[in-house]
Amino acid sequence: GTGKPALVFVYDPNLGVSLSQTEQMNEARDQLGDQVYFLIAQISSREGDQLIAEHGARTAELLLFDPEGELIKRQSALLSASELIQWLDVPAL
C-alpha cells in the first residue's frame, strides 16, 4: 500500500494492444496527475512475472490496487483514456 491507488498494466511487447494501452494510460495520467500510480508489469521480467503469478494476471490485463495495496478490479485491455478514468473512479484535474 502506497496511500494512493495504483493501476498496473501487464505489458507484452509482442501484442499490439500493449502499445495502444500504454498510450491511453499516458493520456489518462496527464489528466489525473499524481492521484494514481500508473505502472507497467512486463512479462518475462522478474518483477512482472512475480506480480503475474501472485495475482493470476493475464497478458494485456489492467489491475487496480487500492491505496492499501489490495487488488480491487481487473479488466482486459483496451480501455481508452476516458474509459480508464471512469474505471479508476478518480476525478480528472
PDB file of N, CA and C in Angstrom:
ATOM      1  N   GLY A   1       0.816  -1.189   0.000  1.00  0.00           N
ATOM      2  CA  GLY A   1       0.000   0.000   0.000  1.00  0.00           C
ATOM      3  C   GLY A   1       0.858   1.250   0.000  1.00  0.00           C
ATOM      4  N   THR A   2       0.504   2.180  -0.851  1.00  0.00           N
ATOM      5  CA  THR A   2       1.280   3.404  -1.018  1.00  0.00           C
ATOM      6  C   THR A   2       0.512   4.649  -0.611  1.00  0.00           C
ATOM      7  N   GLY A   3      -0.751   4.481  -0.219  1.00  0.00           N
ATOM      8  CA  GLY A   3      -1.545   5.637   0.144  1.00  0.00           C
ATOM      9  C   GLY A   3      -2.351   6.215  -0.997  1.00  0.00           C
ATOM     10  N   LYS A   4      -2.136   5.702  -2.217  1.00  0.00           N
ATOM     11  CA  LYS A   4      -2.987   6.096  -3.335  1.00  0.00           C
ATOM     12  C   LYS A   4      -3.142   4.901  -4.271  1.00  0.00           C
ATOM     13  N   PRO A   5      -4.195   4.920  -5.094  1.00  0.00           N
ATOM     14  CA  PRO A   5      -4.437   3.778  -5.983  1.00  0.00           C
ATOM     15  C   PRO A   5      -3.295   3.583  -6.975  1.00  0.00           C
ATOM     16  N   ALA A   6      -3.152   2.339  -7.428  1.00  0.00           N
ATOM     17  CA  ALA A   6      -2.140   2.006  -8.425  1.00  0.00           C
ATOM     18  C   ALA A   6      -2.787   1.183  -9.532  1.00  0.00           C
ATOM     19  N   LEU A   7      -2.584   1.628 -10.766  1.00  0.00           N
ATOM     20  CA  LEU A   7      -3.031   0.889 -11.936  1.00  0.00           C
ATOM     21  C   LEU A   7      -1.812   0.204 -12.530  1.00  0.00           C
ATOM     22  N   VAL A   8      -1.898  -1.123 -12.658  1.00  0.00           N
ATOM     23  CA  VAL A   8      -0.791  -1.899 -13.218  1.00  0.00           C
ATOM     24  C   VAL A   8      -1.281  -2.550 -14.508  1.00  0.00           C
ATOM     25  N   PHE A   9      -0.522  -2.368 -15.568  1.00  0.00           N
ATOM     26  CA  PHE A   9      -0.831  -2.994 -16.851  1.00  0.00           C
ATOM     27  C   PHE A   9       0.181  -4.092 -17.118  1.00  0.00           C
ATOM     28  N   VAL A  10      -0.315  -5.298 -17.429  1.00  0.00           N
ATOM     29  CA  VAL A  10       0.559  -6.425 -17.754  1.00  0.00           C
ATOM     30  C   VAL A  10       0.930  -6.303 -19.233  1.00  0.00           C
ATOM     31  N   TYR A  11       2.147  -5.875 -19.464  1.00  0.00           N
ATOM     32  CA  TYR A  11       2.636  -5.492 -20.791  1.00  0.00           C
ATOM     33  C   TYR A  11       3.341  -6.649 -21.473  1.00  0.00           C
ATOM     34  N   ASP A  12       2.895  -6.941 -22.695  1.00  0.00           N
ATOM     35  CA  ASP A  12       3.554  -7.938 -23.537  1.00  0.00           C
ATOM     36  C   ASP A  12       4.007  -7.220 -24.812  1.00  0.00           C
ATOM     37  N   PRO A  13       5.318  -7.046 -25.020  1.00  0.00           N
ATOM     38  CA  PRO A  13       5.799  -6.298 -26.176  1.00  0.00           C
ATOM     39  C   PRO A  13       5.424  -6.947 -27.510  1.00  0.00           C
ATOM     40  N   ASN A  14       4.977  -8.197 -27.488  1.00  0.00           N
ATOM     41  CA  ASN A  14       4.600  -8.885 -28.724  1.00  0.00           C
ATOM     42  C   ASN A  14       3.145  -8.642 -29.120  1.00  0.00           C
ATOM     43  N   LEU A  15       2.396  -7.921 -28.290  1.00  0.00           N
ATOM     44  CA  LEU A  15       0.984  -7.644 -28.584  1.00  0.00           C
ATOM     45  C   LEU A  15       0.799  -6.177 -28.925  1.00  0.00           C
ATOM     46  N   GLY A  16       0.175  -5.913 -30.052  1.00  0.00           N
ATOM     47  CA  GLY A  16      -0.080  -4.542 -30.462  1.00  0.00           C
ATOM     48  C   GLY A  16      -0.922  -3.776 -29.458  1.00  0.00           C
ATOM     49  N   VAL A  17      -1.830  -4.475 -28.783  1.00  0.00           N
ATOM     50  CA  VAL A  17      -2.693  -3.808 -27.810  1.00  0.00           C
ATOM     51  C   VAL A  17      -1.879  -3.219 -26.655  1.00  0.00           C
ATOM     52  N   SER A  18      -0.718  -3.778 -26.384  1.00  0.00           N
ATOM     53  CA  SER A  18       0.101  -3.268 -25.277  1.00  0.00           C
ATOM     54  C   SER A  18       0.560  -1.843 -25.550  1.00  0.00           C
ATOM     55  N   LEU A  19       1.022  -1.573 -26.760  1.00  0.00           N
ATOM     56  CA  LEU A  19       1.446  -0.220 -27.104  1.00  0.00           C
ATOM     57  C   LEU A  19       0.260   0.743 -27.042  1.00  0.00           C
ATOM     58  N   SER A  20      -0.864   0.332 -27.602  1.00  0.00           N
ATOM     59  CA  SER A  20      -2.056   1.181 -27.584  1.00  0.00           C
ATOM     60  C   SER A  20      -2.500   1.476 -26.155  1.00  0.00           C
ATOM     61  N   GLN A  21      -2.477   0.457 -25.291  1.00  0.00           N
ATOM     62  CA  GLN A  21      -2.920   0.670 -23.909  1.00  0.00           C
ATOM     63  C   GLN A  21      -1.980   1.590 -23.161  1.00  0.00           C
ATOM     64  N   THR A  22      -0.687   1.469 -23.371  1.00  0.00           N
ATOM     65  CA  THR A  22       0.243   2.357 -22.668  1.00  0.00           C
ATOM     66  C   THR A  22       0.053   3.801 -23.131  1.00  0.00           C
ATOM     67  N   GLU A  23      -0.262   4.002 -24.410  1.00  0.00           N
ATOM     68  CA  GLU A  23      -0.541   5.356 -24.894  1.00  0.00           C
ATOM     69  C   GLU A  23      -1.771   5.935 -24.185  1.00  0.00           C
ATOM     70  N   GLN A  24      -2.812   5.123 -24.024  1.00  0.00           N
ATOM     71  CA  GLN A  24      -4.028   5.574 -23.343  1.00  0.00           C
ATOM     72  C   GLN A  24      -3.763   5.826 -21.854  1.00  0.00           C
ATOM     73  N   MET A  25      -2.905   5.011 -21.250  1.00  0.00           N
ATOM     74  CA  MET A  25      -2.537   5.225 -19.844  1.00  0.00           C
ATOM     75  C   MET A  25      -1.803   6.551 -19.678  1.00  0.00           C
ATOM     76  N   ASN A  26      -0.909   6.869 -20.620  1.00  0.00           N
ATOM     77  CA  ASN A  26      -0.185   8.145 -20.550  1.00  0.00           C
ATOM     78  C   ASN A  26      -1.148   9.314 -20.649  1.00  0.00           C
ATOM     79  N   GLU A  27      -2.136   9.207 -21.528  1.00  0.00           N
ATOM     80  CA  GLU A  27      -3.118  10.269 -21.673  1.00  0.00           C
ATOM     81  C   GLU A  27      -3.949  10.423 -20.389  1.00  0.00           C
ATOM     82  N   ALA A  28      -4.367   9.307 -19.806  1.00  0.00           N
ATOM     83  CA  ALA A  28      -5.128   9.358 -18.551  1.00  0.00           C
ATOM     84  C   ALA A  28      -4.277   9.953 -17.435  1.00  0.00           C
ATOM     85  N   ARG A  29      -2.999   9.579 -17.381  1.00  0.00           N
ATOM     86  CA  ARG A  29      -2.098  10.111 -16.349  1.00  0.00           C
ATOM     87  C   ARG A  29      -1.965  11.622 -16.485  1.00  0.00           C
ATOM     88  N   ASP A  30      -1.910  12.113 -17.727  1.00  0.00           N
ATOM     89  CA  ASP A  30      -1.839  13.560 -17.947  1.00  0.00           C
ATOM     90  C   ASP A  30      -3.054  14.268 -17.357  1.00  0.00           C
ATOM     91  N   GLN A  31      -4.216  13.619 -17.400  1.00  0.00           N
ATOM     92  CA  GLN A  31      -5.448  14.218 -16.891  1.00  0.00           C
ATOM     93  C   GLN A  31      -5.610  14.045 -15.381  1.00  0.00           C
ATOM     94  N   LEU A  32      -5.037  12.987 -14.818  1.00  0.00           N
ATOM     95  CA  LEU A  32      -5.221  12.689 -13.391  1.00  0.00           C
ATOM     96  C   LEU A  32      -4.074  13.182 -12.522  1.00  0.00           C
ATOM     97  N   GLY A  33      -2.961  13.546 -13.123  1.00  0.00           N
ATOM     98  CA  GLY A  33      -1.825  13.993 -12.336  1.00  0.00           C
ATOM     99  C   GLY A  33      -1.292  12.873 -11.460  1.00  0.00           C
ATOM    100  N   ASP A  34      -0.959  13.205 -10.235  1.00  0.00           N
ATOM    101  CA  ASP A  34      -0.348  12.212  -9.342  1.00  0.00           C
ATOM    102  C   ASP A  34      -1.355  11.560  -8.395  1.00  0.00           C
ATOM    103  N   GLN A  35      -2.632  11.539  -8.776  1.00  0.00           N
ATOM    104  CA  GLN A  35      -3.653  10.911  -7.926  1.00  0.00           C
ATOM    105  C   GLN A  35      -3.585   9.387  -7.951  1.00  0.00           C
ATOM    106  N   VAL A  36      -2.996   8.838  -9.015  1.00  0.00           N
ATOM    107  CA  VAL A  36      -2.925   7.393  -9.220  1.00  0.00           C
ATOM    108  C   VAL A  36      -1.529   7.060  -9.731  1.00  0.00           C
ATOM    109  N   TYR A  37      -0.966   5.960  -9.237  1.00  0.00           N
ATOM    110  CA  TYR A  37       0.274   5.449  -9.826  1.00  0.00           C
ATOM    111  C   TYR A  37      -0.080   4.658 -11.078  1.00  0.00           C
ATOM    112  N   PHE A  38       0.621   4.903 -12.167  1.00  0.00           N
ATOM    113  CA  PHE A  38       0.458   4.149 -13.404  1.00  0.00           C
ATOM    114  C   PHE A  38       1.722   3.330 -13.591  1.00  0.00           C
ATOM    115  N   LEU A  39       1.587   2.016 -13.547  1.00  0.00           N
ATOM    116  CA  LEU A  39       2.740   1.119 -13.558  1.00  0.00           C
ATOM    117  C   LEU A  39       2.610   0.068 -14.650  1.00  0.00           C
ATOM    118  N   ILE A  40       3.741  -0.443 -15.084  1.00  0.00           N
ATOM    119  CA  ILE A  40       3.807  -1.494 -16.098  1.00  0.00           C
ATOM    120  C   ILE A  40       4.459  -2.721 -15.471  1.00  0.00           C
ATOM    121  N   ALA A  41       3.850  -3.887 -15.683  1.00  0.00           N
ATOM    122  CA  ALA A  41       4.456  -5.161 -15.302  1.00  0.00           C
ATOM    123  C   ALA A  41       4.742  -5.898 -16.610  1.00  0.00           C
ATOM    124  N   GLN A  42       5.995  -5.916 -17.022  1.00  0.00           N
ATOM    125  CA  GLN A  42       6.348  -6.544 -18.290  1.00  0.00           C
ATOM    126  C   GLN A  42       6.552  -8.033 -18.103  1.00  0.00           C
ATOM    127  N   ILE A  43       5.926  -8.811 -19.006  1.00  0.00           N
ATOM    128  CA  ILE A  43       6.125 -10.258 -18.936  1.00  0.00           C
ATOM    129  C   ILE A  43       7.597 -10.565 -19.166  1.00  0.00           C
ATOM    130  N   SER A  44       8.021 -11.687 -18.655  1.00  0.00           N
ATOM    131  CA  SER A  44       9.406 -12.163 -18.784  1.00  0.00           C
ATOM    132  C   SER A  44      10.412 -11.258 -18.080  1.00  0.00           C
ATOM    133  N   SER A  45       9.930 -10.456 -17.127  1.00  0.00           N
ATOM    134  CA  SER A  45      10.840  -9.731 -16.237  1.00  0.00           C
ATOM    135  C   SER A  45      10.595 -10.285 -14.836  1.00  0.00           C
ATOM    136  N   ARG A  46      11.568 -10.199 -13.985  1.00  0.00           N
ATOM    137  CA  ARG A  46      11.436 -10.769 -12.641  1.00  0.00           C
ATOM    138  C   ARG A  46      10.236 -10.172 -11.914  1.00  0.00           C
ATOM    139  N   GLU A  47      10.142  -8.837 -11.887  1.00  0.00           N
ATOM    140  CA  GLU A  47       9.052  -8.177 -11.166  1.00  0.00           C
ATOM    141  C   GLU A  47       7.710  -8.441 -11.833  1.00  0.00           C
ATOM    142  N   GLY A  48       7.693  -8.404 -13.171  1.00  0.00           N
ATOM    143  CA  GLY A  48       6.450  -8.650 -13.894  1.00  0.00           C
ATOM    144  C   GLY A  48       5.935 -10.057 -13.676  1.00  0.00           C
ATOM    145  N   ASP A  49       6.812 -11.035 -13.809  1.00  0.00           N
ATOM    146  CA  ASP A  49       6.400 -12.425 -13.629  1.00  0.00           C
ATOM    147  C   ASP A  49       5.955 -12.694 -12.201  1.00  0.00           C
ATOM    148  N   GLN A  50       6.587 -12.036 -11.224  1.00  0.00           N
ATOM    149  CA  GLN A  50       6.194 -12.202  -9.827  1.00  0.00           C
ATOM    150  C   GLN A  50       4.778 -11.668  -9.606  1.00  0.00           C
ATOM    151  N   LEU A  51       4.482 -10.476 -10.129  1.00  0.00           N
ATOM    152  CA  LEU A  51       3.153  -9.899  -9.979  1.00  0.00           C
ATOM    153  C   LEU A  51       2.108 -10.756 -10.695  1.00  0.00           C
ATOM    154  N   ILE A  52       2.429 -11.219 -11.902  1.00  0.00           N
ATOM    155  CA  ILE A  52       1.511 -12.063 -12.675  1.00  0.00           C
ATOM    156  C   ILE A  52       1.178 -13.323 -11.889  1.00  0.00           C
ATOM    157  N   ALA A  53       2.187 -13.966 -11.330  1.00  0.00           N
ATOM    158  CA  ALA A  53       1.966 -15.193 -10.561  1.00  0.00           C
ATOM    159  C   ALA A  53       1.169 -14.922  -9.292  1.00  0.00           C
ATOM    160  N   GLU A  54       1.517 -13.871  -8.591  1.00  0.00           N
ATOM    161  CA  GLU A  54       0.873 -13.569  -7.312  1.00  0.00           C
ATOM    162  C   GLU A  54      -0.614 -13.268  -7.472  1.00  0.00           C
ATOM    163  N   HIS A  55      -0.997 -12.639  -8.593  1.00  0.00           N
ATOM    164  CA  HIS A  55      -2.383 -12.207  -8.764  1.00  0.00           C
ATOM    165  C   HIS A  55      -3.120 -12.950  -9.871  1.00  0.00           C
ATOM    166  N   GLY A  56      -2.494 -13.978 -10.438  1.00  0.00           N
ATOM    167  CA  GLY A  56      -3.137 -14.739 -11.503  1.00  0.00           C
ATOM    168  C   GLY A  56      -3.496 -13.872 -12.691  1.00  0.00           C
ATOM    169  N   ALA A  57      -2.635 -12.904 -12.990  1.00  0.00           N
ATOM    170  CA  ALA A  57      -2.908 -11.954 -14.065  1.00  0.00           C
ATOM    171  C   ALA A  57      -2.604 -12.573 -15.425  1.00  0.00           C
ATOM    172  N   ARG A  58      -3.229 -11.994 -16.438  1.00  0.00           N
ATOM    173  CA  ARG A  58      -3.002 -12.414 -17.818  1.00  0.00           C
ATOM    174  C   ARG A  58      -2.341 -11.263 -18.571  1.00  0.00           C
ATOM    175  N   THR A  59      -1.721 -11.583 -19.698  1.00  0.00           N
ATOM    176  CA  THR A  59      -1.136 -10.527 -20.512  1.00  0.00           C
ATOM    177  C   THR A  59      -2.238  -9.586 -20.982  1.00  0.00           C
ATOM    178  N   ALA A  60      -1.879  -8.335 -21.145  1.00  0.00           N
ATOM    179  CA  ALA A  60      -2.800  -7.273 -21.582  1.00  0.00           C
ATOM    180  C   ALA A  60      -3.967  -7.107 -20.618  1.00  0.00           C
ATOM    181  N   GLU A  61      -3.707  -7.281 -19.335  1.00  0.00           N
ATOM    182  CA  GLU A  61      -4.740  -7.087 -18.317  1.00  0.00           C
ATOM    183  C   GLU A  61      -4.372  -5.883 -17.451  1.00  0.00           C
ATOM    184  N   LEU A  62      -5.385  -5.129 -17.085  1.00  0.00           N
ATOM    185  CA  LEU A  62      -5.233  -3.992 -16.180  1.00  0.00           C
ATOM    186  C   LEU A  62      -5.652  -4.432 -14.786  1.00  0.00           C
ATOM    187  N   LEU A  63      -4.833  -4.101 -13.804  1.00  0.00           N
ATOM    188  CA  LEU A  63      -5.119  -4.430 -12.406  1.00  0.00           C
ATOM    189  C   LEU A  63      -5.158  -3.129 -11.616  1.00  0.00           C
ATOM    190  N   LEU A  64      -6.186  -2.951 -10.821  1.00  0.00           N
ATOM    191  CA  LEU A  64      -6.297  -1.758  -9.985  1.00  0.00           C
ATOM    192  C   LEU A  64      -6.160  -2.162  -8.529  1.00  0.00           C
ATOM    193  N   PHE A  65      -5.220  -1.535  -7.856  1.00  0.00           N
ATOM    194  CA  PHE A  65      -4.969  -1.770  -6.443  1.00  0.00           C
ATOM    195  C   PHE A  65      -5.411  -0.537  -5.662  1.00  0.00           C
ATOM    196  N   ASP A  66      -6.071  -0.759  -4.526  1.00  0.00           N
ATOM    197  CA  ASP A  66      -6.499   0.367  -3.698  1.00  0.00           C
ATOM    198  C   ASP A  66      -5.294   0.946  -2.952  1.00  0.00           C
ATOM    199  N   PRO A  67      -5.486   2.069  -2.235  1.00  0.00           N
ATOM    200  CA  PRO A  67      -4.351   2.704  -1.543  1.00  0.00           C
ATOM    201  C   PRO A  67      -3.650   1.798  -0.530  1.00  0.00           C
ATOM    202  N   GLU A  68      -4.348   0.742  -0.070  1.00  0.00           N
ATOM    203  CA  GLU A  68      -3.734  -0.186   0.888  1.00  0.00           C
ATOM    204  C   GLU A  68      -3.028  -1.347   0.197  1.00  0.00           C
ATOM    205  N   GLY A  69      -3.078  -1.381  -1.139  1.00  0.00           N
ATOM    206  CA  GLY A  69      -2.374  -2.420  -1.879  1.00  0.00           C
ATOM    207  C   GLY A  69      -3.199  -3.652  -2.192  1.00  0.00           C
ATOM    208  N   GLU A  70      -4.504  -3.606  -1.971  1.00  0.00           N
ATOM    209  CA  GLU A  70      -5.376  -4.741  -2.265  1.00  0.00           C
ATOM    210  C   GLU A  70      -5.885  -4.642  -3.699  1.00  0.00           C
ATOM    211  N   LEU A  71      -5.852  -5.758  -4.414  1.00  0.00           N
ATOM    212  CA  LEU A  71      -6.387  -5.809  -5.770  1.00  0.00           C
ATOM    213  C   LEU A  71      -7.907  -5.689  -5.689  1.00  0.00           C
ATOM    214  N   ILE A  72      -8.466  -4.667  -6.356  1.00  0.00           N
ATOM    215  CA  ILE A  72      -9.915  -4.442  -6.264  1.00  0.00           C
ATOM    216  C   ILE A  72     -10.635  -4.574  -7.606  1.00  0.00           C
ATOM    217  N   LYS A  73      -9.917  -4.444  -8.722  1.00  0.00           N
ATOM    218  CA  LYS A  73     -10.541  -4.567 -10.038  1.00  0.00           C
ATOM    219  C   LYS A  73      -9.536  -5.117 -11.021  1.00  0.00           C
ATOM    220  N   ARG A  74     -10.059  -5.801 -12.046  1.00  0.00           N
ATOM    221  CA  ARG A  74      -9.226  -6.249 -13.157  1.00  0.00           C
ATOM    222  C   ARG A  74     -10.053  -6.165 -14.420  1.00  0.00           C
ATOM    223  N   GLN A  75      -9.366  -5.870 -15.523  1.00  0.00           N
ATOM    224  CA  GLN A  75     -10.051  -5.641 -16.796  1.00  0.00           C
ATOM    225  C   GLN A  75      -9.071  -5.924 -17.924  1.00  0.00           C
ATOM    226  N   SER A  76      -9.544  -6.567 -18.969  1.00  0.00           N
ATOM    227  CA  SER A  76      -8.709  -6.768 -20.149  1.00  0.00           C
ATOM    228  C   SER A  76      -8.576  -5.454 -20.914  1.00  0.00           C
ATOM    229  N   ALA A  77      -7.408  -5.245 -21.508  1.00  0.00           N
ATOM    230  CA  ALA A  77      -7.201  -4.073 -22.364  1.00  0.00           C
ATOM    231  C   ALA A  77      -8.012  -4.296 -23.641  1.00  0.00           C
ATOM    232  N   LEU A  78      -8.455  -3.320 -24.244  1.00  0.00           N
ATOM    233  CA  LEU A  78      -8.017  -1.963 -24.354  1.00  0.00           C
ATOM    234  C   LEU A  78      -9.090  -1.038 -23.811  1.00  0.00           C
ATOM    235  N   LEU A  79      -8.689  -0.114 -22.937  1.00  0.00           N
ATOM    236  CA  LEU A  79      -9.571   0.949 -22.474  1.00  0.00           C
ATOM    237  C   LEU A  79      -8.986   2.273 -22.941  1.00  0.00           C
ATOM    238  N   SER A  80      -9.855   3.143 -23.439  1.00  0.00           N
ATOM    239  CA  SER A  80      -9.411   4.483 -23.828  1.00  0.00           C
ATOM    240  C   SER A  80      -9.072   5.270 -22.561  1.00  0.00           C
ATOM    241  N   ALA A  81      -8.434   6.410 -22.739  1.00  0.00           N
ATOM    242  CA  ALA A  81      -8.089   7.247 -21.587  1.00  0.00           C
ATOM    243  C   ALA A  81      -9.336   7.617 -20.798  1.00  0.00           C
ATOM    244  N   SER A  82     -10.411   8.017 -21.480  1.00  0.00           N
ATOM    245  CA  SER A  82     -11.632   8.398 -20.759  1.00  0.00           C
ATOM    246  C   SER A  82     -12.270   7.192 -20.069  1.00  0.00           C
ATOM    247  N   GLU A  83     -12.228   6.023 -20.704  1.00  0.00           N
ATOM    248  CA  GLU A  83     -12.741   4.804 -20.060  1.00  0.00           C
ATOM    249  C   GLU A  83     -11.902   4.454 -18.838  1.00  0.00           C
ATOM    250  N   LEU A  84     -10.581   4.621 -18.942  1.00  0.00           N
ATOM    251  CA  LEU A  84      -9.698   4.355 -17.799  1.00  0.00           C
ATOM    252  C   LEU A  84     -10.046   5.259 -16.621  1.00  0.00           C
ATOM    253  N   ILE A  85     -10.236   6.537 -16.901  1.00  0.00           N
ATOM    254  CA  ILE A  85     -10.542   7.486 -15.825  1.00  0.00           C
ATOM    255  C   ILE A  85     -11.859   7.107 -15.155  1.00  0.00           C
ATOM    256  N   GLN A  86     -12.826   6.748 -15.956  1.00  0.00           N
ATOM    257  CA  GLN A  86     -14.124   6.333 -15.394  1.00  0.00           C
ATOM    258  C   GLN A  86     -13.947   5.035 -14.595  1.00  0.00           C
ATOM    259  N   TRP A  87     -13.194   4.081 -15.109  1.00  0.00           N
ATOM    260  CA  TRP A  87     -12.967   2.799 -14.449  1.00  0.00           C
ATOM    261  C   TRP A  87     -12.214   2.987 -13.125  1.00  0.00           C
ATOM    262  N   LEU A  88     -11.256   3.922 -13.138  1.00  0.00           N
ATOM    263  CA  LEU A  88     -10.488   4.215 -11.924  1.00  0.00           C
ATOM    264  C   LEU A  88     -11.337   4.911 -10.878  1.00  0.00           C
ATOM    265  N   ASP A  89     -12.372   5.605 -11.328  1.00  0.00           N
ATOM    266  CA  ASP A  89     -13.273   6.348 -10.431  1.00  0.00           C
ATOM    267  C   ASP A  89     -12.506   7.418  -9.638  1.00  0.00           C
ATOM    268  N   VAL A  90     -11.642   8.143 -10.360  1.00  0.00           N
ATOM    269  CA  VAL A  90     -10.873   9.243  -9.790  1.00  0.00           C
ATOM    270  C   VAL A  90     -11.176  10.477 -10.623  1.00  0.00           C
ATOM    271  N   PRO A  91     -11.514  11.602 -10.012  1.00  0.00           N
ATOM    272  CA  PRO A  91     -11.848  12.785 -10.806  1.00  0.00           C
ATOM    273  C   PRO A  91     -10.627  13.341 -11.542  1.00  0.00           C
ATOM    274  N   ALA A  92     -10.841  13.701 -12.806  1.00  0.00           N
ATOM    275  CA  ALA A  92      -9.773  14.336 -13.576  1.00  0.00           C
ATOM    276  C   ALA A  92      -9.499  15.717 -13.002  1.00  0.00           C
ATOM    277  N   LEU A  93      -8.267  16.190 -13.165  1.00  0.00           N
ATOM    278  CA  LEU A  93      -7.887  17.511 -12.647  1.00  0.00           C
ATOM    279  C   LEU A  93      -8.485  18.612 -13.482  1.00  0.00           C
TER     280      LEU A  93
END
